[in-house]
Amino acid sequence: MPKQALIMIDMQRGFLDSASPLCIPSAEATVPACAALIDRCHAAGIPVIYAVRHYRSDCAAHLSDAFPAAFTVLPQDYVLVKPRFSAFFHTSLDLILRRLGVQTVLLAGTTTPNCIRTTCYDAISLDYDAVVLSDCTSSVTDAVQAANLADMQRIGAAVCASTELPLAESSDR
């Protein structure tokens, strides 16, 4: 099975907290599935990469950038700050993946029509296999979510629930 890496995109408090102007209401419901997936990847020795945006806030920048308490961030995990939607745009993601020998990226996080989709398209353009995890992604409405998952599937991404995903045990453990 090709070597995999999990890319967890924008699962930060600013996108999860209903008091935040950046909140995606359905994102909070994906936290348990995302946390379970992170734990499964850690157990299998699959690299976990957090791709995040950094937002300045006069009163609580550290709060809007914080990961959910349910997430386990280990010292060997990567945290990349991305300046735009795609986790590949002006980051070292492609270099990291190639050095790790990754062939398949597992995409999770928020929001599906923006950051997940642009990362998916860039991954496929860079010759990675892309798997979008439907229960670990979110959009502003169910209709937007379904349309974007269908579009990514039509361009060659695999779409499945994280519980249906076979993980490739890493030989680098």
N, C-alpha and C. Protein backbone atom coordinates (compact mmCIF):
# COMPACT_ATOMS: atom_id res chain seq x y z
N MET A 1 0.86 -1.18 0.00
CA MET A 1 0.00 0.00 0.00
C MET A 1 0.90 1.25 0.00
N PRO A 2 0.57 2.26 -0.81
CA PRO A 2 1.39 3.48 -0.87
C PRO A 2 1.47 4.18 0.48
N LYS A 3 2.60 4.82 0.72
CA LYS A 3 2.78 5.55 1.98
C LYS A 3 1.84 6.75 2.05
N GLN A 4 1.22 6.92 3.20
CA GLN A 4 0.22 7.95 3.41
C GLN A 4 0.72 9.01 4.40
N ALA A 5 0.08 10.18 4.35
CA ALA A 5 0.25 11.22 5.38
C ALA A 5 -1.11 11.89 5.57
N LEU A 6 -1.41 12.21 6.80
CA LEU A 6 -2.63 12.93 7.12
C LEU A 6 -2.34 14.42 7.13
N ILE A 7 -3.15 15.18 6.40
CA ILE A 7 -3.05 16.64 6.43
C ILE A 7 -4.35 17.15 7.07
N MET A 8 -4.22 17.66 8.28
CA MET A 8 -5.36 18.19 9.03
C MET A 8 -5.35 19.70 8.82
N ILE A 9 -6.40 20.20 8.16
CA ILE A 9 -6.41 21.58 7.69
C ILE A 9 -7.37 22.46 8.51
N ASP A 10 -6.81 23.52 9.08
CA ASP A 10 -7.57 24.60 9.72
C ASP A 10 -8.51 24.18 10.85
N MET A 11 -8.21 23.09 11.51
CA MET A 11 -9.04 22.70 12.65
C MET A 11 -8.53 23.43 13.89
N GLN A 12 -8.83 24.72 13.92
CA GLN A 12 -8.41 25.63 14.97
C GLN A 12 -9.63 26.23 15.63
N ARG A 13 -9.44 26.68 16.83
CA ARG A 13 -10.56 27.22 17.60
C ARG A 13 -11.33 28.32 16.86
N GLY A 14 -10.62 29.14 16.11
CA GLY A 14 -11.29 30.22 15.38
C GLY A 14 -12.34 29.73 14.39
N PHE A 15 -12.17 28.52 13.88
CA PHE A 15 -13.14 27.94 12.94
C PHE A 15 -14.19 27.10 13.65
N LEU A 16 -13.95 26.78 14.93
CA LEU A 16 -14.83 25.89 15.67
C LEU A 16 -15.71 26.59 16.69
N ASP A 17 -15.27 27.73 17.18
CA ASP A 17 -15.96 28.45 18.25
C ASP A 17 -17.09 29.30 17.66
N SER A 18 -18.29 29.07 18.13
CA SER A 18 -19.45 29.80 17.59
C SER A 18 -19.36 31.31 17.82
N ALA A 19 -18.55 31.75 18.75
CA ALA A 19 -18.38 33.18 18.99
C ALA A 19 -17.42 33.83 18.00
N SER A 20 -16.72 33.03 17.22
CA SER A 20 -15.74 33.55 16.27
C SER A 20 -16.41 33.93 14.95
N PRO A 21 -15.99 35.03 14.33
CA PRO A 21 -16.54 35.39 13.02
C PRO A 21 -16.10 34.41 11.93
N LEU A 22 -15.10 33.58 12.19
CA LEU A 22 -14.62 32.60 11.22
C LEU A 22 -15.31 31.25 11.34
N CYS A 23 -16.19 31.10 12.31
CA CYS A 23 -16.79 29.80 12.64
C CYS A 23 -17.51 29.15 11.46
N ILE A 24 -17.23 27.86 11.29
CA ILE A 24 -17.99 27.01 10.37
C ILE A 24 -18.84 26.12 11.28
N PRO A 25 -20.14 26.37 11.36
CA PRO A 25 -20.96 25.70 12.37
C PRO A 25 -20.85 24.16 12.39
N SER A 26 -20.69 23.53 11.27
CA SER A 26 -20.64 22.07 11.26
C SER A 26 -19.25 21.51 11.58
N ALA A 27 -18.24 22.37 11.69
CA ALA A 27 -16.87 21.89 11.93
C ALA A 27 -16.72 21.25 13.31
N GLU A 28 -17.35 21.82 14.31
CA GLU A 28 -17.24 21.28 15.67
C GLU A 28 -17.70 19.81 15.73
N ALA A 29 -18.72 19.46 14.96
CA ALA A 29 -19.23 18.08 14.96
C ALA A 29 -18.22 17.08 14.39
N THR A 30 -17.23 17.56 13.63
CA THR A 30 -16.24 16.65 13.05
C THR A 30 -15.05 16.40 13.98
N VAL A 31 -14.95 17.13 15.07
CA VAL A 31 -13.79 17.00 15.97
C VAL A 31 -13.59 15.56 16.46
N PRO A 32 -14.63 14.86 16.94
CA PRO A 32 -14.38 13.48 17.41
C PRO A 32 -13.84 12.56 16.32
N ALA A 33 -14.37 12.64 15.11
CA ALA A 33 -13.86 11.80 14.01
C ALA A 33 -12.44 12.19 13.64
N CYS A 34 -12.16 13.49 13.63
CA CYS A 34 -10.80 13.96 13.32
C CYS A 34 -9.82 13.49 14.40
N ALA A 35 -10.21 13.60 15.67
CA ALA A 35 -9.33 13.18 16.77
C ALA A 35 -9.06 11.68 16.70
N ALA A 36 -10.08 10.90 16.40
CA ALA A 36 -9.90 9.45 16.27
C ALA A 36 -8.97 9.12 15.11
N LEU A 37 -9.11 9.84 14.01
CA LEU A 37 -8.24 9.63 12.85
C LEU A 37 -6.80 9.98 13.17
N ILE A 38 -6.59 11.09 13.86
CA ILE A 38 -5.23 11.47 14.27
C ILE A 38 -4.62 10.35 15.11
N ASP A 39 -5.38 9.84 16.07
CA ASP A 39 -4.88 8.77 16.93
C ASP A 39 -4.57 7.50 16.13
N ARG A 40 -5.43 7.16 15.17
CA ARG A 40 -5.18 5.99 14.32
C ARG A 40 -3.90 6.18 13.50
N CYS A 41 -3.71 7.38 12.97
CA CYS A 41 -2.50 7.65 12.18
C CYS A 41 -1.25 7.57 13.05
N HIS A 42 -1.31 8.15 14.25
CA HIS A 42 -0.17 8.05 15.16
C HIS A 42 0.15 6.58 15.44
N ALA A 43 -0.86 5.79 15.72
CA ALA A 43 -0.66 4.37 16.06
C ALA A 43 -0.04 3.60 14.90
N ALA A 44 -0.38 4.00 13.67
CA ALA A 44 0.13 3.31 12.48
C ALA A 44 1.45 3.89 11.99
N GLY A 45 1.94 4.92 12.65
CA GLY A 45 3.20 5.54 12.23
C GLY A 45 3.06 6.40 10.99
N ILE A 46 1.84 6.84 10.70
CA ILE A 46 1.57 7.70 9.54
C ILE A 46 1.82 9.15 9.94
N PRO A 47 2.62 9.88 9.16
CA PRO A 47 2.88 11.28 9.49
C PRO A 47 1.60 12.11 9.58
N VAL A 48 1.54 12.98 10.58
CA VAL A 48 0.41 13.89 10.77
C VAL A 48 0.94 15.30 10.58
N ILE A 49 0.28 16.02 9.68
CA ILE A 49 0.69 17.39 9.35
C ILE A 49 -0.51 18.30 9.58
N TYR A 50 -0.34 19.28 10.45
CA TYR A 50 -1.37 20.26 10.70
C TYR A 50 -1.06 21.49 9.85
N ALA A 51 -1.96 21.82 8.93
CA ALA A 51 -1.81 23.01 8.09
C ALA A 51 -2.80 24.04 8.62
N VAL A 52 -2.29 25.17 9.07
CA VAL A 52 -3.14 26.13 9.77
C VAL A 52 -2.97 27.53 9.22
N ARG A 53 -3.95 28.34 9.47
CA ARG A 53 -3.86 29.78 9.21
C ARG A 53 -3.56 30.45 10.54
N HIS A 54 -2.87 31.55 10.48
CA HIS A 54 -2.61 32.32 11.69
C HIS A 54 -3.33 33.64 11.54
N TYR A 55 -4.25 33.89 12.47
CA TYR A 55 -5.02 35.13 12.42
C TYR A 55 -4.64 36.01 13.60
N ARG A 56 -4.36 37.26 13.31
CA ARG A 56 -4.07 38.20 14.39
C ARG A 56 -5.39 38.62 15.03
N SER A 57 -5.33 38.75 16.31
CA SER A 57 -6.49 39.22 17.05
C SER A 57 -5.97 40.10 18.17
N ASP A 58 -6.57 41.24 18.36
CA ASP A 58 -6.09 42.15 19.39
C ASP A 58 -6.14 41.55 20.78
N CYS A 59 -7.08 40.64 21.00
CA CYS A 59 -7.23 40.15 22.37
C CYS A 59 -6.87 38.69 22.57
N ALA A 60 -6.93 37.84 21.54
CA ALA A 60 -6.74 36.41 21.82
C ALA A 60 -6.25 35.62 20.62
N ALA A 61 -5.14 36.03 20.01
CA ALA A 61 -4.62 35.30 18.86
C ALA A 61 -4.33 33.85 19.21
N HIS A 62 -3.83 33.61 20.41
CA HIS A 62 -3.51 32.25 20.81
C HIS A 62 -4.75 31.38 20.93
N LEU A 63 -5.88 31.99 21.25
CA LEU A 63 -7.12 31.21 21.36
C LEU A 63 -7.67 30.84 19.98
N SER A 64 -7.63 31.76 19.02
CA SER A 64 -8.18 31.46 17.70
C SER A 64 -7.31 30.44 16.96
N ASP A 65 -6.03 30.37 17.32
CA ASP A 65 -5.12 29.42 16.67
C ASP A 65 -5.08 28.06 17.35
N ALA A 66 -5.62 27.93 18.55
CA ALA A 66 -5.50 26.70 19.34
C ALA A 66 -6.23 25.53 18.68
N PHE A 67 -5.63 24.33 18.81
CA PHE A 67 -6.28 23.11 18.35
C PHE A 67 -7.31 22.67 19.37
N PRO A 68 -8.29 21.87 18.95
CA PRO A 68 -9.25 21.32 19.93
C PRO A 68 -8.52 20.48 20.98
N ALA A 69 -9.02 20.49 22.19
CA ALA A 69 -8.40 19.72 23.28
C ALA A 69 -8.36 18.22 22.96
N ALA A 70 -9.28 17.75 22.14
CA ALA A 70 -9.33 16.32 21.79
C ALA A 70 -8.19 15.89 20.88
N PHE A 71 -7.51 16.84 20.26
CA PHE A 71 -6.43 16.50 19.33
C PHE A 71 -5.14 16.22 20.09
N THR A 72 -4.46 15.17 19.68
CA THR A 72 -3.15 14.85 20.22
C THR A 72 -2.11 15.33 19.22
N VAL A 73 -1.31 16.31 19.62
CA VAL A 73 -0.24 16.81 18.77
C VAL A 73 1.07 16.31 19.38
N LEU A 74 1.76 15.43 18.65
CA LEU A 74 3.00 14.85 19.13
C LEU A 74 4.21 15.63 18.62
N PRO A 75 5.35 15.49 19.29
CA PRO A 75 6.55 16.23 18.86
C PRO A 75 6.95 15.93 17.41
N GLN A 76 6.70 14.73 16.92
CA GLN A 76 7.09 14.40 15.55
C GLN A 76 6.09 14.90 14.50
N ASP A 77 4.95 15.42 14.93
CA ASP A 77 3.99 15.98 13.99
C ASP A 77 4.54 17.29 13.42
N TYR A 78 4.04 17.65 12.26
CA TYR A 78 4.43 18.90 11.60
C TYR A 78 3.29 19.90 11.76
N VAL A 79 3.63 21.16 11.96
CA VAL A 79 2.65 22.24 11.96
C VAL A 79 3.15 23.28 10.96
N LEU A 80 2.38 23.47 9.90
CA LEU A 80 2.72 24.42 8.84
C LEU A 80 1.73 25.57 8.84
N VAL A 81 2.22 26.77 8.77
CA VAL A 81 1.34 27.93 8.63
C VAL A 81 1.21 28.20 7.14
N LYS A 82 -0.03 28.22 6.67
CA LYS A 82 -0.28 28.44 5.25
C LYS A 82 -0.84 29.85 5.04
N PRO A 83 -0.33 30.57 4.04
CA PRO A 83 -0.79 31.94 3.84
C PRO A 83 -2.09 32.06 3.05
N ARG A 84 -2.50 31.00 2.39
CA ARG A 84 -3.72 31.02 1.57
C ARG A 84 -4.50 29.73 1.79
N PHE A 85 -5.44 29.44 0.90
CA PHE A 85 -6.29 28.27 1.07
C PHE A 85 -5.53 26.95 1.02
N SER A 86 -4.73 26.72 0.00
CA SER A 86 -4.05 25.44 -0.18
C SER A 86 -2.92 25.25 0.82
N ALA A 87 -2.82 24.05 1.37
CA ALA A 87 -1.73 23.72 2.28
C ALA A 87 -0.40 23.62 1.53
N PHE A 88 -0.43 23.57 0.20
CA PHE A 88 0.79 23.51 -0.61
C PHE A 88 1.33 24.89 -0.96
N PHE A 89 0.46 25.90 -1.00
CA PHE A 89 0.84 27.22 -1.50
C PHE A 89 1.81 27.92 -0.54
N HIS A 90 3.02 28.17 -1.02
CA HIS A 90 4.07 28.86 -0.25
C HIS A 90 4.34 28.23 1.12
N THR A 91 4.31 26.88 1.16
CA THR A 91 4.70 26.14 2.37
C THR A 91 5.72 25.07 1.96
N SER A 92 6.25 24.39 2.92
CA SER A 92 7.20 23.30 2.64
C SER A 92 6.50 21.95 2.57
N LEU A 93 5.19 21.92 2.42
CA LEU A 93 4.44 20.65 2.43
C LEU A 93 4.93 19.67 1.37
N ASP A 94 5.07 20.11 0.13
CA ASP A 94 5.50 19.20 -0.94
C ASP A 94 6.88 18.62 -0.62
N LEU A 95 7.80 19.44 -0.17
CA LEU A 95 9.14 18.98 0.19
C LEU A 95 9.09 17.95 1.31
N ILE A 96 8.31 18.22 2.34
CA ILE A 96 8.18 17.28 3.46
C ILE A 96 7.62 15.95 2.98
N LEU A 97 6.55 16.00 2.20
CA LEU A 97 5.93 14.76 1.72
C LEU A 97 6.90 13.95 0.85
N ARG A 98 7.60 14.61 -0.02
CA ARG A 98 8.55 13.90 -0.90
C ARG A 98 9.69 13.29 -0.09
N ARG A 99 10.20 14.01 0.89
CA ARG A 99 11.28 13.47 1.73
C ARG A 99 10.80 12.28 2.55
N LEU A 100 9.52 12.28 2.92
CA LEU A 100 8.96 11.16 3.67
C LEU A 100 8.56 10.00 2.76
N GLY A 101 8.59 10.20 1.45
CA GLY A 101 8.18 9.16 0.52
C GLY A 101 6.69 8.96 0.43
N VAL A 102 5.93 9.99 0.76
CA VAL A 102 4.47 9.90 0.76
C VAL A 102 3.94 9.92 -0.67
N GLN A 103 2.98 9.05 -0.94
CA GLN A 103 2.32 9.01 -2.24
C GLN A 103 0.84 9.37 -2.14
N THR A 104 0.26 9.18 -0.94
CA THR A 104 -1.18 9.42 -0.75
C THR A 104 -1.39 10.38 0.39
N VAL A 105 -2.12 11.47 0.12
CA VAL A 105 -2.47 12.42 1.17
C VAL A 105 -3.91 12.19 1.61
N LEU A 106 -4.10 12.16 2.91
CA LEU A 106 -5.41 12.01 3.53
C LEU A 106 -5.83 13.39 3.99
N LEU A 107 -6.91 13.91 3.44
CA LEU A 107 -7.31 15.29 3.69
C LEU A 107 -8.49 15.36 4.65
N ALA A 108 -8.30 16.15 5.71
CA ALA A 108 -9.34 16.34 6.72
C ALA A 108 -9.29 17.79 7.17
N GLY A 109 -10.40 18.27 7.73
CA GLY A 109 -10.43 19.63 8.28
C GLY A 109 -11.58 20.45 7.74
N THR A 110 -11.38 21.74 7.70
CA THR A 110 -12.42 22.67 7.26
C THR A 110 -11.77 23.78 6.44
N THR A 111 -12.40 24.42 5.56
CA THR A 111 -13.70 24.18 4.97
C THR A 111 -13.52 23.44 3.65
N THR A 112 -14.47 22.57 3.36
CA THR A 112 -14.35 21.72 2.19
C THR A 112 -14.26 22.50 0.87
N PRO A 113 -15.11 23.51 0.61
CA PRO A 113 -15.02 24.19 -0.69
C PRO A 113 -13.81 25.11 -0.85
N ASN A 114 -13.13 25.39 0.22
CA ASN A 114 -12.00 26.31 0.15
C ASN A 114 -10.69 25.58 0.37
N CYS A 115 -10.32 25.38 1.61
CA CYS A 115 -8.99 24.86 1.93
C CYS A 115 -8.82 23.37 1.60
N ILE A 116 -9.84 22.59 1.83
CA ILE A 116 -9.75 21.16 1.49
C ILE A 116 -9.68 21.02 -0.03
N ARG A 117 -10.57 21.68 -0.72
CA ARG A 117 -10.63 21.55 -2.18
C ARG A 117 -9.35 22.04 -2.87
N THR A 118 -8.85 23.20 -2.48
CA THR A 118 -7.64 23.71 -3.15
C THR A 118 -6.44 22.83 -2.83
N THR A 119 -6.37 22.31 -1.62
CA THR A 119 -5.28 21.39 -1.28
C THR A 119 -5.41 20.10 -2.08
N CYS A 120 -6.62 19.62 -2.24
CA CYS A 120 -6.88 18.40 -3.04
C CYS A 120 -6.44 18.60 -4.48
N TYR A 121 -6.85 19.69 -5.08
CA TYR A 121 -6.49 19.96 -6.49
C TYR A 121 -4.98 20.10 -6.64
N ASP A 122 -4.33 20.80 -5.71
CA ASP A 122 -2.87 20.93 -5.78
C ASP A 122 -2.19 19.58 -5.58
N ALA A 123 -2.69 18.76 -4.67
CA ALA A 123 -2.11 17.43 -4.45
C ALA A 123 -2.17 16.60 -5.72
N ILE A 124 -3.31 16.59 -6.37
CA ILE A 124 -3.46 15.82 -7.60
C ILE A 124 -2.57 16.40 -8.70
N SER A 125 -2.48 17.72 -8.77
CA SER A 125 -1.60 18.36 -9.77
C SER A 125 -0.13 18.02 -9.54
N LEU A 126 0.23 17.74 -8.30
CA LEU A 126 1.60 17.39 -7.96
C LEU A 126 1.81 15.86 -7.95
N ASP A 127 0.85 15.13 -8.49
CA ASP A 127 0.91 13.67 -8.65
C ASP A 127 0.80 12.87 -7.36
N TYR A 128 0.15 13.42 -6.35
CA TYR A 128 -0.19 12.63 -5.16
C TYR A 128 -1.57 12.04 -5.37
N ASP A 129 -1.82 10.90 -4.77
CA ASP A 129 -3.18 10.39 -4.68
C ASP A 129 -3.82 11.13 -3.51
N ALA A 130 -5.06 11.55 -3.68
CA ALA A 130 -5.76 12.31 -2.64
C ALA A 130 -6.98 11.54 -2.17
N VAL A 131 -7.13 11.46 -0.85
CA VAL A 131 -8.30 10.86 -0.23
C VAL A 131 -8.93 11.93 0.66
N VAL A 132 -10.18 12.27 0.37
CA VAL A 132 -10.91 13.26 1.16
C VAL A 132 -11.82 12.50 2.12
N LEU A 133 -11.70 12.79 3.39
CA LEU A 133 -12.43 12.05 4.42
C LEU A 133 -13.72 12.79 4.76
N SER A 134 -14.82 12.26 4.27
CA SER A 134 -16.11 12.95 4.31
C SER A 134 -16.60 13.25 5.72
N ASP A 135 -16.32 12.39 6.69
CA ASP A 135 -16.77 12.63 8.06
C ASP A 135 -15.81 13.51 8.85
N CYS A 136 -14.70 13.86 8.25
CA CYS A 136 -13.68 14.70 8.89
C CYS A 136 -13.52 16.02 8.17
N THR A 137 -14.51 16.41 7.37
CA THR A 137 -14.50 17.68 6.65
C THR A 137 -15.85 18.36 6.85
N SER A 138 -15.89 19.67 6.60
CA SER A 138 -17.13 20.40 6.85
C SER A 138 -17.24 21.63 5.96
N SER A 139 -18.49 22.01 5.77
CA SER A 139 -18.85 23.18 4.95
C SER A 139 -19.96 23.95 5.64
N VAL A 140 -20.32 25.09 5.06
CA VAL A 140 -21.37 25.91 5.68
C VAL A 140 -22.75 25.27 5.60
N THR A 141 -22.99 24.41 4.60
CA THR A 141 -24.26 23.68 4.50
C THR A 141 -23.98 22.27 4.00
N ASP A 142 -24.93 21.38 4.22
CA ASP A 142 -24.81 20.01 3.72
C ASP A 142 -24.77 19.98 2.19
N ALA A 143 -25.51 20.87 1.55
CA ALA A 143 -25.53 20.90 0.08
C ALA A 143 -24.17 21.32 -0.47
N VAL A 144 -23.55 22.31 0.14
CA VAL A 144 -22.22 22.75 -0.29
C VAL A 144 -21.22 21.62 -0.08
N GLN A 145 -21.32 20.93 1.05
CA GLN A 145 -20.44 19.80 1.34
C GLN A 145 -20.58 18.71 0.28
N ALA A 146 -21.80 18.31 0.00
CA ALA A 146 -22.04 17.24 -0.97
C ALA A 146 -21.54 17.62 -2.37
N ALA A 147 -21.81 18.84 -2.80
CA ALA A 147 -21.39 19.28 -4.14
C ALA A 147 -19.87 19.28 -4.26
N ASN A 148 -19.18 19.73 -3.25
CA ASN A 148 -17.72 19.80 -3.31
C ASN A 148 -17.08 18.42 -3.23
N LEU A 149 -17.61 17.54 -2.39
CA LEU A 149 -17.09 16.17 -2.34
C LEU A 149 -17.28 15.50 -3.70
N ALA A 150 -18.43 15.71 -4.32
CA ALA A 150 -18.70 15.12 -5.64
C ALA A 150 -17.74 15.68 -6.69
N ASP A 151 -17.48 16.99 -6.65
CA ASP A 151 -16.54 17.59 -7.61
C ASP A 151 -15.14 17.02 -7.45
N MET A 152 -14.68 16.87 -6.22
CA MET A 152 -13.34 16.33 -6.01
C MET A 152 -13.26 14.86 -6.45
N GLN A 153 -14.32 14.14 -6.24
CA GLN A 153 -14.35 12.74 -6.68
C GLN A 153 -14.28 12.67 -8.21
N ARG A 154 -14.96 13.59 -8.89
CA ARG A 154 -14.95 13.60 -10.36
C ARG A 154 -13.57 13.90 -10.94
N ILE A 155 -12.72 14.61 -10.20
CA ILE A 155 -11.40 14.91 -10.74
C ILE A 155 -10.34 13.90 -10.31
N GLY A 156 -10.78 12.87 -9.59
CA GLY A 156 -9.86 11.78 -9.27
C GLY A 156 -9.55 11.54 -7.82
N ALA A 157 -10.09 12.34 -6.92
CA ALA A 157 -9.87 12.09 -5.50
C ALA A 157 -10.78 10.96 -5.04
N ALA A 158 -10.30 10.18 -4.11
CA ALA A 158 -11.15 9.20 -3.45
C ALA A 158 -11.87 9.92 -2.32
N VAL A 159 -13.12 9.59 -2.10
CA VAL A 159 -13.88 10.18 -1.00
C VAL A 159 -14.46 9.03 -0.19
N CYS A 160 -14.18 9.04 1.12
CA CYS A 160 -14.72 8.00 1.99
C CYS A 160 -14.76 8.50 3.42
N ALA A 161 -15.45 7.76 4.28
CA ALA A 161 -15.45 8.06 5.71
C ALA A 161 -14.14 7.56 6.30
N SER A 162 -13.68 8.23 7.34
CA SER A 162 -12.42 7.83 7.96
C SER A 162 -12.47 6.42 8.52
N THR A 163 -13.64 5.98 8.93
CA THR A 163 -13.78 4.63 9.48
C THR A 163 -13.66 3.55 8.41
N GLU A 164 -13.81 3.93 7.15
CA GLU A 164 -13.68 2.99 6.03
C GLU A 164 -12.27 2.99 5.45
N LEU A 165 -11.42 3.86 5.95
CA LEU A 165 -10.09 4.07 5.37
C LEU A 165 -9.11 3.03 5.88
N PRO A 166 -8.52 2.25 4.95
CA PRO A 166 -7.43 1.38 5.38
C PRO A 166 -6.16 2.21 5.51
N LEU A 167 -5.50 2.08 6.65
CA LEU A 167 -4.26 2.82 6.87
C LEU A 167 -3.07 1.94 6.54
N ALA A 168 -2.10 2.53 5.86
CA ALA A 168 -0.86 1.83 5.49
C ALA A 168 0.11 1.94 6.66
N GLU A 169 0.37 0.84 7.35
CA GLU A 169 1.36 0.84 8.43
C GLU A 169 2.68 1.35 7.89
N SER A 170 3.28 2.30 8.56
CA SER A 170 4.55 2.85 8.12
C SER A 170 5.68 1.90 8.46
N SER A 171 6.58 1.72 7.53
CA SER A 171 7.76 0.89 7.78
C SER A 171 8.86 1.70 8.44
N ASP A 172 8.65 3.00 8.65
CA ASP A 172 9.66 3.89 9.22
C ASP A 172 9.54 4.02 10.73
N ARG A 173 8.72 3.20 11.37
CA ARG A 173 8.45 3.35 12.81
C ARG A 173 9.64 3.04 13.64
